[in-house]
């Protein structure tokens, strides 16, 4: 376990079904287990949980949605996309989208893209 979630995290999940809540919690665990140096903060206005690196600053966030959970990378448009999994067309952000019953992208992909975002 990665410890106590930040204030407001459980409230962020209140309006979501159990499977989206469980997936959001699981993705948080995967991220913090892979990169324990990250700190986290709930962004109510964005409806997400942001992750900050000590020297790189804000690098990623988890956004629970209606039928999926997106992991957004702040500078995702500049990241290599070795598996062709990043979604989005904005100037900066790119996302990996996870569904409760889906196997792609994998948690290994998430860790790989997270490492690229922190590098």
PDB file of N, CA and C in Angstrom:
ATOM      1  N   UNK A   1       0.829  -1.194   0.000  1.00  0.00           N
ATOM      2  CA  UNK A   1       0.000   0.000   0.000  1.00  0.00           C
ATOM      3  C   UNK A   1       0.865   1.247   0.000  1.00  0.00           C
ATOM      4  N   UNK A   2       0.342   2.298  -0.581  1.00  0.00           N
ATOM      5  CA  UNK A   2       1.119   3.525  -0.716  1.00  0.00           C
ATOM      6  C   UNK A   2       0.757   4.574   0.314  1.00  0.00           C
ATOM      7  N   UNK A   3      -0.084   4.243   1.236  1.00  0.00           N
ATOM      8  CA  UNK A   3      -0.395   5.209   2.270  1.00  0.00           C
ATOM      9  C   UNK A   3      -1.751   5.859   2.089  1.00  0.00           C
ATOM     10  N   UNK A   4      -1.993   6.798   2.960  1.00  0.00           N
ATOM     11  CA  UNK A   4      -3.280   7.483   3.014  1.00  0.00           C
ATOM     12  C   UNK A   4      -3.434   8.413   1.817  1.00  0.00           C
ATOM     13  N   UNK A   5      -4.593   8.358   1.208  1.00  0.00           N
ATOM     14  CA  UNK A   5      -4.894   9.238   0.081  1.00  0.00           C
ATOM     15  C   UNK A   5      -5.004  10.682   0.569  1.00  0.00           C
ATOM     16  N   UNK A   6      -4.756  11.634  -0.306  1.00  0.00           N
ATOM     17  CA  UNK A   6      -4.840  13.037   0.098  1.00  0.00           C
ATOM     18  C   UNK A   6      -6.273  13.458   0.396  1.00  0.00           C
ATOM     19  N   UNK A   7      -6.437  14.543   1.145  1.00  0.00           N
ATOM     20  CA  UNK A   7      -7.785  15.043   1.441  1.00  0.00           C
ATOM     21  C   UNK A   7      -8.573  15.286   0.154  1.00  0.00           C
ATOM     22  N   UNK A   8      -9.812  14.839   0.162  1.00  0.00           N
ATOM     23  CA  UNK A   8     -10.692  15.051  -0.969  1.00  0.00           C
ATOM     24  C   UNK A   8     -10.704  13.927  -1.991  1.00  0.00           C
ATOM     25  N   UNK A   9      -9.790  12.955  -1.851  1.00  0.00           N
ATOM     26  CA  UNK A   9      -9.718  11.884  -2.855  1.00  0.00           C
ATOM     27  C   UNK A   9     -10.986  11.032  -2.854  1.00  0.00           C
ATOM     28  N   UNK A  10     -11.414  10.570  -1.711  1.00  0.00           N
ATOM     29  CA  UNK A  10     -12.622   9.735  -1.664  1.00  0.00           C
ATOM     30  C   UNK A  10     -13.854  10.528  -2.101  1.00  0.00           C
ATOM     31  N   UNK A  11     -13.913  11.809  -1.785  1.00  0.00           N
ATOM     32  CA  UNK A  11     -15.033  12.639  -2.221  1.00  0.00           C
ATOM     33  C   UNK A  11     -15.058  12.755  -3.745  1.00  0.00           C
ATOM     34  N   UNK A  12     -13.884  12.748  -4.362  1.00  0.00           N
ATOM     35  CA  UNK A  12     -13.772  12.802  -5.813  1.00  0.00           C
ATOM     36  C   UNK A  12     -14.471  11.603  -6.457  1.00  0.00           C
ATOM     37  N   UNK A  13     -14.475  10.477  -5.752  1.00  0.00           N
ATOM     38  CA  UNK A  13     -15.012   9.234  -6.306  1.00  0.00           C
ATOM     39  C   UNK A  13     -16.472   8.978  -5.937  1.00  0.00           C
ATOM     40  N   UNK A  14     -17.050   9.814  -5.097  1.00  0.00           N
ATOM     41  CA  UNK A  14     -18.401   9.576  -4.583  1.00  0.00           C
ATOM     42  C   UNK A  14     -19.459   9.398  -5.658  1.00  0.00           C
ATOM     43  N   UNK A  15     -19.379  10.136  -6.738  1.00  0.00           N
ATOM     44  CA  UNK A  15     -20.420  10.095  -7.767  1.00  0.00           C
ATOM     45  C   UNK A  15     -20.132   9.072  -8.859  1.00  0.00           C
ATOM     46  N   UNK A  16     -19.132   8.238  -8.655  1.00  0.00           N
ATOM     47  CA  UNK A  16     -18.762   7.242  -9.658  1.00  0.00           C
ATOM     48  C   UNK A  16     -19.184   5.849  -9.218  1.00  0.00           C
ATOM     49  N   UNK A  17     -19.400   4.972 -10.202  1.00  0.00           N
ATOM     50  CA  UNK A  17     -19.765   3.598  -9.884  1.00  0.00           C
ATOM     51  C   UNK A  17     -18.583   2.909  -9.201  1.00  0.00           C
ATOM     52  N   UNK A  18     -18.866   1.784  -8.570  1.00  0.00           N
ATOM     53  CA  UNK A  18     -17.848   1.068  -7.801  1.00  0.00           C
ATOM     54  C   UNK A  18     -16.654   0.663  -8.654  1.00  0.00           C
ATOM     55  N   UNK A  19     -16.896   0.243  -9.905  1.00  0.00           N
ATOM     56  CA  UNK A  19     -15.781  -0.214 -10.744  1.00  0.00           C
ATOM     57  C   UNK A  19     -14.852   0.937 -11.132  1.00  0.00           C
ATOM     58  N   UNK A  20     -15.402   2.121 -11.384  1.00  0.00           N
ATOM     59  CA  UNK A  20     -14.554   3.286 -11.698  1.00  0.00           C
ATOM     60  C   UNK A  20     -13.794   3.714 -10.449  1.00  0.00           C
ATOM     61  N   UNK A  21     -14.439   3.703  -9.293  1.00  0.00           N
ATOM     62  CA  UNK A  21     -13.748   4.030  -8.046  1.00  0.00           C
ATOM     63  C   UNK A  21     -12.610   3.072  -7.764  1.00  0.00           C
ATOM     64  N   UNK A  22     -12.861   1.780  -7.942  1.00  0.00           N
ATOM     65  CA  UNK A  22     -11.822   0.781  -7.697  1.00  0.00           C
ATOM     66  C   UNK A  22     -10.667   0.934  -8.681  1.00  0.00           C
ATOM     67  N   UNK A  23     -10.978   1.184  -9.952  1.00  0.00           N
ATOM     68  CA  UNK A  23      -9.927   1.365 -10.953  1.00  0.00           C
ATOM     69  C   UNK A  23      -9.108   2.614 -10.664  1.00  0.00           C
ATOM     70  N   UNK A  24      -9.752   3.686 -10.254  1.00  0.00           N
ATOM     71  CA  UNK A  24      -9.035   4.920  -9.917  1.00  0.00           C
ATOM     72  C   UNK A  24      -8.085   4.681  -8.746  1.00  0.00           C
ATOM     73  N   UNK A  25      -8.566   4.000  -7.722  1.00  0.00           N
ATOM     74  CA  UNK A  25      -7.713   3.687  -6.565  1.00  0.00           C
ATOM     75  C   UNK A  25      -6.533   2.807  -6.979  1.00  0.00           C
ATOM     76  N   UNK A  26      -6.815   1.830  -7.839  1.00  0.00           N
ATOM     77  CA  UNK A  26      -5.762   0.925  -8.292  1.00  0.00           C
ATOM     78  C   UNK A  26      -4.697   1.673  -9.104  1.00  0.00           C
ATOM     79  N   UNK A  27      -5.115   2.550 -10.012  1.00  0.00           N
ATOM     80  CA  UNK A  27      -4.157   3.301 -10.817  1.00  0.00           C
ATOM     81  C   UNK A  27      -3.312   4.222  -9.939  1.00  0.00           C
ATOM     82  N   UNK A  28      -3.922   4.792  -8.912  1.00  0.00           N
ATOM     83  CA  UNK A  28      -3.166   5.600  -7.948  1.00  0.00           C
ATOM     84  C   UNK A  28      -2.080   4.751  -7.312  1.00  0.00           C
ATOM     85  N   UNK A  29      -2.429   3.538  -6.888  1.00  0.00           N
ATOM     86  CA  UNK A  29      -1.457   2.629  -6.260  1.00  0.00           C
ATOM     87  C   UNK A  29      -0.327   2.278  -7.225  1.00  0.00           C
ATOM     88  N   UNK A  30      -0.677   1.983  -8.480  1.00  0.00           N
ATOM     89  CA  UNK A  30       0.336   1.644  -9.484  1.00  0.00           C
ATOM     90  C   UNK A  30       1.316   2.805  -9.653  1.00  0.00           C
ATOM     91  N   UNK A  31       0.787   4.013  -9.772  1.00  0.00           N
ATOM     92  CA  UNK A  31       1.629   5.202  -9.981  1.00  0.00           C
ATOM     93  C   UNK A  31       2.551   5.423  -8.792  1.00  0.00           C
ATOM     94  N   UNK A  32       1.997   5.396  -7.592  1.00  0.00           N
ATOM     95  CA  UNK A  32       2.813   5.693  -6.412  1.00  0.00           C
ATOM     96  C   UNK A  32       3.778   4.563  -6.073  1.00  0.00           C
ATOM     97  N   UNK A  33       3.429   3.330  -6.413  1.00  0.00           N
ATOM     98  CA  UNK A  33       4.361   2.223  -6.201  1.00  0.00           C
ATOM     99  C   UNK A  33       5.545   2.332  -7.158  1.00  0.00           C
ATOM    100  N   UNK A  34       5.266   2.747  -8.388  1.00  0.00           N
ATOM    101  CA  UNK A  34       6.328   2.877  -9.388  1.00  0.00           C
ATOM    102  C   UNK A  34       7.190   4.107  -9.155  1.00  0.00           C
ATOM    103  N   UNK A  35       6.585   5.185  -8.680  1.00  0.00           N
ATOM    104  CA  UNK A  35       7.299   6.453  -8.493  1.00  0.00           C
ATOM    105  C   UNK A  35       6.981   7.014  -7.105  1.00  0.00           C
ATOM    106  N   UNK A  36       7.553   6.426  -6.047  1.00  0.00           N
ATOM    107  CA  UNK A  36       7.212   6.849  -4.685  1.00  0.00           C
ATOM    108  C   UNK A  36       7.629   8.283  -4.354  1.00  0.00           C
ATOM    109  N   UNK A  37       8.452   8.886  -5.182  1.00  0.00           N
ATOM    110  CA  UNK A  37       8.859  10.272  -4.932  1.00  0.00           C
ATOM    111  C   UNK A  37       7.774  11.280  -5.304  1.00  0.00           C
ATOM    112  N   UNK A  38       6.739  10.832  -5.986  1.00  0.00           N
ATOM    113  CA  UNK A  38       5.666  11.742  -6.385  1.00  0.00           C
ATOM    114  C   UNK A  38       4.789  12.092  -5.188  1.00  0.00           C
ATOM    115  N   UNK A  39       4.344  13.314  -5.167  1.00  0.00           N
ATOM    116  CA  UNK A  39       3.343  13.744  -4.192  1.00  0.00           C
ATOM    117  C   UNK A  39       2.032  13.932  -4.958  1.00  0.00           C
ATOM    118  N   UNK A  40       0.928  13.949  -4.222  1.00  0.00           N
ATOM    119  CA  UNK A  40      -0.373  14.008  -4.879  1.00  0.00           C
ATOM    120  C   UNK A  40      -1.254  15.086  -4.270  1.00  0.00           C
ATOM    121  N   UNK A  41      -2.159  15.557  -5.106  1.00  0.00           N
ATOM    122  CA  UNK A  41      -3.083  16.607  -4.685  1.00  0.00           C
ATOM    123  C   UNK A  41      -4.375  16.483  -5.493  1.00  0.00           C
ATOM    124  N   UNK A  42      -5.492  16.606  -4.817  1.00  0.00           N
ATOM    125  CA  UNK A  42      -6.786  16.587  -5.488  1.00  0.00           C
ATOM    126  C   UNK A  42      -7.055  17.961  -6.087  1.00  0.00           C
ATOM    127  N   UNK A  43      -7.478  17.951  -7.340  1.00  0.00           N
ATOM    128  CA  UNK A  43      -7.893  19.175  -8.037  1.00  0.00           C
ATOM    129  C   UNK A  43      -9.387  19.053  -8.303  1.00  0.00           C
ATOM    130  N   UNK A  44     -10.175  19.668  -7.440  1.00  0.00           N
ATOM    131  CA  UNK A  44     -11.627  19.568  -7.558  1.00  0.00           C
ATOM    132  C   UNK A  44     -12.131  20.162  -8.875  1.00  0.00           C
ATOM    133  N   UNK A  45     -11.587  21.280  -9.284  1.00  0.00           N
ATOM    134  CA  UNK A  45     -12.022  21.929 -10.520  1.00  0.00           C
ATOM    135  C   UNK A  45     -11.761  21.080 -11.755  1.00  0.00           C
ATOM    136  N   UNK A  46     -10.689  20.321 -11.734  1.00  0.00           N
ATOM    137  CA  UNK A  46     -10.351  19.427 -12.851  1.00  0.00           C
ATOM    138  C   UNK A  46     -10.968  18.051 -12.657  1.00  0.00           C
ATOM    139  N   UNK A  47     -11.493  17.791 -11.474  1.00  0.00           N
ATOM    140  CA  UNK A  47     -12.042  16.483 -11.111  1.00  0.00           C
ATOM    141  C   UNK A  47     -10.973  15.409 -11.296  1.00  0.00           C
ATOM    142  N   UNK A  48      -9.815  15.683 -10.676  1.00  0.00           N
ATOM    143  CA  UNK A  48      -8.711  14.739 -10.828  1.00  0.00           C
ATOM    144  C   UNK A  48      -7.753  14.754  -9.652  1.00  0.00           C
ATOM    145  N   UNK A  49      -6.848  13.791  -9.678  1.00  0.00           N
ATOM    146  CA  UNK A  49      -5.797  13.659  -8.691  1.00  0.00           C
ATOM    147  C   UNK A  49      -4.471  13.878  -9.402  1.00  0.00           C
ATOM    148  N   UNK A  50      -3.786  14.968  -9.062  1.00  0.00           N
ATOM    149  CA  UNK A  50      -2.534  15.322  -9.712  1.00  0.00           C
ATOM    150  C   UNK A  50      -1.331  14.757  -8.992  1.00  0.00           C
ATOM    151  N   UNK A  51      -0.296  14.457  -9.767  1.00  0.00           N
ATOM    152  CA  UNK A  51       0.957  13.932  -9.238  1.00  0.00           C
ATOM    153  C   UNK A  51       2.091  14.882  -9.586  1.00  0.00           C
ATOM    154  N   UNK A  52       2.897  15.185  -8.567  1.00  0.00           N
ATOM    155  CA  UNK A  52       3.983  16.148  -8.715  1.00  0.00           C
ATOM    156  C   UNK A  52       5.316  15.482  -8.404  1.00  0.00           C
ATOM    157  N   UNK A  53       6.294  15.770  -9.257  1.00  0.00           N
ATOM    158  CA  UNK A  53       7.654  15.269  -9.078  1.00  0.00           C
ATOM    159  C   UNK A  53       8.471  16.370  -8.388  1.00  0.00           C
ATOM    160  N   UNK A  54       9.424  16.004  -7.505  1.00  0.00           N
ATOM    161  CA  UNK A  54      10.196  17.021  -6.775  1.00  0.00           C
ATOM    162  C   UNK A  54      10.917  18.028  -7.673  1.00  0.00           C
ATOM    163  N   UNK A  55      11.411  17.607  -8.835  1.00  0.00           N
ATOM    164  CA  UNK A  55      12.118  18.559  -9.698  1.00  0.00           C
ATOM    165  C   UNK A  55      11.367  18.869 -10.994  1.00  0.00           C
ATOM    166  N   UNK A  56      10.520  17.963 -11.475  1.00  0.00           N
ATOM    167  CA  UNK A  56       9.802  18.177 -12.736  1.00  0.00           C
ATOM    168  C   UNK A  56       8.453  18.871 -12.539  1.00  0.00           C
ATOM    169  N   UNK A  57       7.990  18.974 -11.300  1.00  0.00           N
ATOM    170  CA  UNK A  57       6.702  19.606 -11.036  1.00  0.00           C
ATOM    171  C   UNK A  57       5.545  18.689 -11.403  1.00  0.00           C
ATOM    172  N   UNK A  58       4.432  19.295 -11.794  1.00  0.00           N
ATOM    173  CA  UNK A  58       3.232  18.538 -12.148  1.00  0.00           C
ATOM    174  C   UNK A  58       3.519  17.707 -13.394  1.00  0.00           C
ATOM    175  N   UNK A  59       3.355  16.386 -13.289  1.00  0.00           N
ATOM    176  CA  UNK A  59       3.659  15.512 -14.427  1.00  0.00           C
ATOM    177  C   UNK A  59       2.453  14.735 -14.938  1.00  0.00           C
ATOM    178  N   UNK A  60       1.510  14.415 -14.065  1.00  0.00           N
ATOM    179  CA  UNK A  60       0.398  13.566 -14.497  1.00  0.00           C
ATOM    180  C   UNK A  60      -0.780  13.715 -13.546  1.00  0.00           C
ATOM    181  N   UNK A  61      -1.932  13.209 -13.994  1.00  0.00           N
ATOM    182  CA  UNK A  61      -3.123  13.212 -13.148  1.00  0.00           C
ATOM    183  C   UNK A  61      -4.026  12.054 -13.546  1.00  0.00           C
ATOM    184  N   UNK A  62      -4.807  11.607 -12.593  1.00  0.00           N
ATOM    185  CA  UNK A  62      -5.808  10.564 -12.815  1.00  0.00           C
ATOM    186  C   UNK A  62      -7.169  11.240 -12.780  1.00  0.00           C
ATOM    187  N   UNK A  63      -7.960  10.995 -13.837  1.00  0.00           N
ATOM    188  CA  UNK A  63      -9.277  11.598 -13.973  1.00  0.00           C
ATOM    189  C   UNK A  63     -10.338  10.507 -14.089  1.00  0.00           C
ATOM    190  N   UNK A  64     -11.117  10.259 -13.016  1.00  0.00           N
ATOM    191  CA  UNK A  64     -12.208   9.288 -13.138  1.00  0.00           C
ATOM    192  C   UNK A  64     -13.325   9.863 -14.004  1.00  0.00           C
ATOM    193  N   UNK A  65     -13.849   9.029 -14.887  1.00  0.00           N
ATOM    194  CA  UNK A  65     -14.931   9.452 -15.769  1.00  0.00           C
ATOM    195  C   UNK A  65     -16.140   8.546 -15.625  1.00  0.00           C
ATOM    196  N   UNK A  66     -17.055   8.651 -16.554  1.00  0.00           N
ATOM    197  CA  UNK A  66     -18.284   7.871 -16.509  1.00  0.00           C
ATOM    198  C   UNK A  66     -18.021   6.387 -16.753  1.00  0.00           C
ATOM    199  N   UNK A  67     -17.236   6.077 -17.776  1.00  0.00           N
ATOM    200  CA  UNK A  67     -16.999   4.679 -18.127  1.00  0.00           C
ATOM    201  C   UNK A  67     -15.518   4.311 -18.225  1.00  0.00           C
ATOM    202  N   UNK A  68     -14.649   5.262 -17.928  1.00  0.00           N
ATOM    203  CA  UNK A  68     -13.212   4.986 -17.971  1.00  0.00           C
ATOM    204  C   UNK A  68     -12.494   5.911 -17.005  1.00  0.00           C
ATOM    205  N   UNK A  69     -11.225   5.624 -16.786  1.00  0.00           N
ATOM    206  CA  UNK A  69     -10.356   6.487 -15.991  1.00  0.00           C
ATOM    207  C   UNK A  69      -9.200   6.888 -16.905  1.00  0.00           C
ATOM    208  N   UNK A  70      -8.983   8.182 -17.031  1.00  0.00           N
ATOM    209  CA  UNK A  70      -7.901   8.682 -17.869  1.00  0.00           C
ATOM    210  C   UNK A  70      -6.720   9.065 -16.997  1.00  0.00           C
ATOM    211  N   UNK A  71      -5.537   8.745 -17.480  1.00  0.00           N
ATOM    212  CA  UNK A  71      -4.310   9.222 -16.862  1.00  0.00           C
ATOM    213  C   UNK A  71      -3.716  10.205 -17.855  1.00  0.00           C
ATOM    214  N   UNK A  72      -3.717  11.473 -17.472  1.00  0.00           N
ATOM    215  CA  UNK A  72      -3.220  12.520 -18.349  1.00  0.00           C
ATOM    216  C   UNK A  72      -1.794  12.896 -18.006  1.00  0.00           C
ATOM    217  N   UNK A  73      -1.008  13.153 -19.040  1.00  0.00           N
ATOM    218  CA  UNK A  73       0.380  13.574 -18.871  1.00  0.00           C
ATOM    219  C   UNK A  73       0.506  15.030 -19.285  1.00  0.00           C
ATOM    220  N   UNK A  74       0.981  15.860 -18.378  1.00  0.00           N
ATOM    221  CA  UNK A  74       1.032  17.306 -18.575  1.00  0.00           C
ATOM    222  C   UNK A  74       1.757  17.686 -19.864  1.00  0.00           C
ATOM    223  N   UNK A  75       2.849  17.063 -20.162  1.00  0.00           N
ATOM    224  CA  UNK A  75       3.595  17.366 -21.388  1.00  0.00           C
ATOM    225  C   UNK A  75       3.542  16.168 -22.339  1.00  0.00           C
ATOM    226  N   UNK A  76       2.391  15.536 -22.387  1.00  0.00           N
ATOM    227  CA  UNK A  76       2.221  14.329 -23.186  1.00  0.00           C
ATOM    228  C   UNK A  76       2.437  14.531 -24.668  1.00  0.00           C
ATOM    229  N   UNK A  77       2.157  15.735 -25.178  1.00  0.00           N
ATOM    230  CA  UNK A  77       2.360  15.997 -26.603  1.00  0.00           C
ATOM    231  C   UNK A  77       3.834  15.907 -26.972  1.00  0.00           C
ATOM    232  N   UNK A  78       4.717  16.090 -25.996  1.00  0.00           N
ATOM    233  CA  UNK A  78       6.159  16.027 -26.239  1.00  0.00           C
ATOM    234  C   UNK A  78       6.749  14.647 -25.948  1.00  0.00           C
ATOM    235  N   UNK A  79       5.939  13.738 -25.424  1.00  0.00           N
ATOM    236  CA  UNK A  79       6.443  12.412 -25.067  1.00  0.00           C
ATOM    237  C   UNK A  79       6.536  11.514 -26.293  1.00  0.00           C
ATOM    238  N   UNK A  80       7.535  10.628 -26.310  1.00  0.00           N
ATOM    239  CA  UNK A  80       7.496   9.569 -27.314  1.00  0.00           C
ATOM    240  C   UNK A  80       6.271   8.698 -27.029  1.00  0.00           C
ATOM    241  N   UNK A  81       5.723   8.079 -28.046  1.00  0.00           N
ATOM    242  CA  UNK A  81       4.562   7.209 -27.894  1.00  0.00           C
ATOM    243  C   UNK A  81       4.892   5.845 -28.503  1.00  0.00           C
ATOM    244  N   UNK A  82       5.774   5.081 -27.837  1.00  0.00           N
ATOM    245  CA  UNK A  82       6.288   3.849 -28.432  1.00  0.00           C
ATOM    246  C   UNK A  82       5.225   2.791 -28.730  1.00  0.00           C
ATOM    247  N   UNK A  83       4.081   2.863 -28.072  1.00  0.00           N
ATOM    248  CA  UNK A  83       3.035   1.858 -28.270  1.00  0.00           C
ATOM    249  C   UNK A  83       1.800   2.420 -28.974  1.00  0.00           C
ATOM    250  N   UNK A  84       1.840   3.710 -29.345  1.00  0.00           N
ATOM    251  CA  UNK A  84       0.706   4.328 -30.016  1.00  0.00           C
ATOM    252  C   UNK A  84      -0.546   4.383 -29.170  1.00  0.00           C
ATOM    253  N   UNK A  85      -0.388   4.551 -27.853  1.00  0.00           N
ATOM    254  CA  UNK A  85      -1.523   4.507 -26.930  1.00  0.00           C
ATOM    255  C   UNK A  85      -1.998   5.876 -26.456  1.00  0.00           C
ATOM    256  N   UNK A  86      -1.197   6.909 -26.632  1.00  0.00           N
ATOM    257  CA  UNK A  86      -1.586   8.224 -26.125  1.00  0.00           C
ATOM    258  C   UNK A  86      -2.712   8.805 -26.980  1.00  0.00           C
ATOM    259  N   UNK A  87      -3.718   9.334 -26.296  1.00  0.00           N
ATOM    260  CA  UNK A  87      -4.860   9.947 -26.964  1.00  0.00           C
ATOM    261  C   UNK A  87      -4.857  11.445 -26.691  1.00  0.00           C
ATOM    262  N   UNK A  88      -5.497  12.195 -27.574  1.00  0.00           N
ATOM    263  CA  UNK A  88      -5.637  13.632 -27.398  1.00  0.00           C
ATOM    264  C   UNK A  88      -4.984  14.395 -28.535  1.00  0.00           C
ATOM    265  N   UNK A  89      -5.483  15.617 -28.723  1.00  0.00           N
ATOM    266  CA  UNK A  89      -4.979  16.443 -29.819  1.00  0.00           C
ATOM    267  C   UNK A  89      -4.587  17.839 -29.355  1.00  0.00           C
ATOM    268  N   UNK A  90      -4.624  18.070 -28.046  1.00  0.00           N
ATOM    269  CA  UNK A  90      -4.285  19.394 -27.527  1.00  0.00           C
ATOM    270  C   UNK A  90      -2.801  19.709 -27.688  1.00  0.00           C
ATOM    271  N   UNK A  91      -2.444  20.929 -27.345  1.00  0.00           N
ATOM    272  CA  UNK A  91      -1.051  21.369 -27.482  1.00  0.00           C
ATOM    273  C   UNK A  91      -0.120  20.723 -26.470  1.00  0.00           C
ATOM    274  N   UNK A  92      -0.660  20.299 -25.308  1.00  0.00           N
ATOM    275  CA  UNK A  92       0.198  19.778 -24.247  1.00  0.00           C
ATOM    276  C   UNK A  92      -0.191  18.396 -23.762  1.00  0.00           C
ATOM    277  N   UNK A  93      -1.440  18.212 -23.413  1.00  0.00           N
ATOM    278  CA  UNK A  93      -1.868  16.998 -22.725  1.00  0.00           C
ATOM    279  C   UNK A  93      -2.086  15.816 -23.664  1.00  0.00           C
ATOM    280  N   UNK A  94      -1.765  14.632 -23.149  1.00  0.00           N
ATOM    281  CA  UNK A  94      -2.111  13.371 -23.795  1.00  0.00           C
ATOM    282  C   UNK A  94      -2.560  12.417 -22.691  1.00  0.00           C
ATOM    283  N   UNK A  95      -3.385  11.455 -23.048  1.00  0.00           N
ATOM    284  CA  UNK A  95      -4.003  10.575 -22.064  1.00  0.00           C
ATOM    285  C   UNK A  95      -3.824   9.112 -22.422  1.00  0.00           C
ATOM    286  N   UNK A  96      -3.772   8.298 -21.385  1.00  0.00           N
ATOM    287  CA  UNK A  96      -4.005   6.868 -21.490  1.00  0.00           C
ATOM    288  C   UNK A  96      -5.374   6.645 -20.879  1.00  0.00           C
ATOM    289  N   UNK A  97      -6.227   5.872 -21.534  1.00  0.00           N
ATOM    290  CA  UNK A  97      -7.572   5.621 -21.014  1.00  0.00           C
ATOM    291  C   UNK A  97      -7.698   4.162 -20.601  1.00  0.00           C
ATOM    292  N   UNK A  98      -8.150   3.976 -19.365  1.00  0.00           N
ATOM    293  CA  UNK A  98      -8.320   2.637 -18.796  1.00  0.00           C
ATOM    294  C   UNK A  98      -9.803   2.389 -18.543  1.00  0.00           C
ATOM    295  N   UNK A  99     -10.274   1.210 -18.922  1.00  0.00           N
ATOM    296  CA  UNK A  99     -11.654   0.806 -18.644  1.00  0.00           C
ATOM    297  C   UNK A  99     -11.615  -0.357 -17.659  1.00  0.00           C
ATOM    298  N   UNK A 100     -12.617  -0.454 -16.800  1.00  0.00           N
ATOM    299  CA  UNK A 100     -12.609  -1.524 -15.795  1.00  0.00           C
ATOM    300  C   UNK A 100     -12.484  -2.925 -16.388  1.00  0.00           C
ATOM    301  N   UNK A 101     -12.993  -3.154 -17.594  1.00  0.00           N
ATOM    302  CA  UNK A 101     -12.958  -4.485 -18.187  1.00  0.00           C
ATOM    303  C   UNK A 101     -11.990  -4.593 -19.362  1.00  0.00           C
ATOM    304  N   UNK A 102     -11.055  -3.654 -19.465  1.00  0.00           N
ATOM    305  CA  UNK A 102     -10.155  -3.592 -20.610  1.00  0.00           C
ATOM    306  C   UNK A 102      -8.735  -3.951 -20.198  1.00  0.00           C
ATOM    307  N   UNK A 103      -7.983  -4.567 -21.089  1.00  0.00           N
ATOM    308  CA  UNK A 103      -6.609  -4.938 -20.764  1.00  0.00           C
ATOM    309  C   UNK A 103      -5.579  -4.043 -21.440  1.00  0.00           C
ATOM    310  N   UNK A 104      -5.992  -3.149 -22.322  1.00  0.00           N
ATOM    311  CA  UNK A 104      -5.030  -2.262 -22.985  1.00  0.00           C
ATOM    312  C   UNK A 104      -5.464  -0.829 -22.757  1.00  0.00           C
ATOM    313  N   UNK A 105      -4.620   0.060 -22.360  1.00  0.00           N
ATOM    314  CA  UNK A 105      -3.215  -0.168 -22.060  1.00  0.00           C
ATOM    315  C   UNK A 105      -3.026  -0.951 -20.757  1.00  0.00           C
ATOM    316  N   UNK A 106      -1.853  -1.514 -20.591  1.00  0.00           N
ATOM    317  CA  UNK A 106      -1.554  -2.282 -19.383  1.00  0.00           C
ATOM    318  C   UNK A 106      -0.925  -1.389 -18.329  1.00  0.00           C
ATOM    319  N   UNK A 107      -0.818  -1.917 -17.128  1.00  0.00           N
ATOM    320  CA  UNK A 107      -0.161  -1.159 -16.064  1.00  0.00           C
ATOM    321  C   UNK A 107       1.318  -0.976 -16.381  1.00  0.00           C
ATOM    322  N   UNK A 108       1.916  -1.920 -17.085  1.00  0.00           N
ATOM    323  CA  UNK A 108       3.304  -1.765 -17.501  1.00  0.00           C
ATOM    324  C   UNK A 108       3.451  -0.583 -18.452  1.00  0.00           C
ATOM    325  N   UNK A 109       2.456  -0.411 -19.341  1.00  0.00           N
ATOM    326  CA  UNK A 109       2.477   0.758 -20.221  1.00  0.00           C
ATOM    327  C   UNK A 109       2.397   2.042 -19.402  1.00  0.00           C
ATOM    328  N   UNK A 110       1.505   2.059 -18.422  1.00  0.00           N
ATOM    329  CA  UNK A 110       1.360   3.240 -17.576  1.00  0.00           C
ATOM    330  C   UNK A 110       2.687   3.599 -16.936  1.00  0.00           C
ATOM    331  N   UNK A 111       3.373   2.627 -16.371  1.00  0.00           N
ATOM    332  CA  UNK A 111       4.660   2.888 -15.710  1.00  0.00           C
ATOM    333  C   UNK A 111       5.689   3.384 -16.724  1.00  0.00           C
ATOM    334  N   UNK A 112       5.694   2.790 -17.903  1.00  0.00           N
ATOM    335  CA  UNK A 112       6.649   3.213 -18.937  1.00  0.00           C
ATOM    336  C   UNK A 112       6.414   4.668 -19.334  1.00  0.00           C
ATOM    337  N   UNK A 113       5.153   5.040 -19.573  1.00  0.00           N
ATOM    338  CA  UNK A 113       4.847   6.419 -19.952  1.00  0.00           C
ATOM    339  C   UNK A 113       5.105   7.385 -18.792  1.00  0.00           C
ATOM    340  N   UNK A 114       4.844   6.945 -17.577  1.00  0.00           N
ATOM    341  CA  UNK A 114       5.131   7.768 -16.407  1.00  0.00           C
ATOM    342  C   UNK A 114       6.630   8.033 -16.304  1.00  0.00           C
ATOM    343  N   UNK A 115       7.429   6.988 -16.513  1.00  0.00           N
ATOM    344  CA  UNK A 115       8.887   7.166 -16.502  1.00  0.00           C
ATOM    345  C   UNK A 115       9.338   8.142 -17.577  1.00  0.00           C
ATOM    346  N   UNK A 116       8.729   8.064 -18.758  1.00  0.00           N
ATOM    347  CA  UNK A 116       9.068   9.017 -19.827  1.00  0.00           C
ATOM    348  C   UNK A 116       8.696  10.443 -19.423  1.00  0.00           C
ATOM    349  N   UNK A 117       7.575  10.601 -18.732  1.00  0.00           N
ATOM    350  CA  UNK A 117       7.135  11.940 -18.312  1.00  0.00           C
ATOM    351  C   UNK A 117       8.048  12.545 -17.265  1.00  0.00           C
ATOM    352  N   UNK A 118       8.638  11.701 -16.445  1.00  0.00           N
ATOM    353  CA  UNK A 118       9.515  12.175 -15.359  1.00  0.00           C
ATOM    354  C   UNK A 118      10.945  12.387 -15.843  1.00  0.00           C
ATOM    355  N   UNK A 119      11.334  11.675 -16.896  1.00  0.00           N
ATOM    356  CA  UNK A 119      12.727  11.743 -17.392  1.00  0.00           C
ATOM    357  C   UNK A 119      13.127  13.127 -17.838  1.00  0.00           C
TER     358      UNK A 119
END
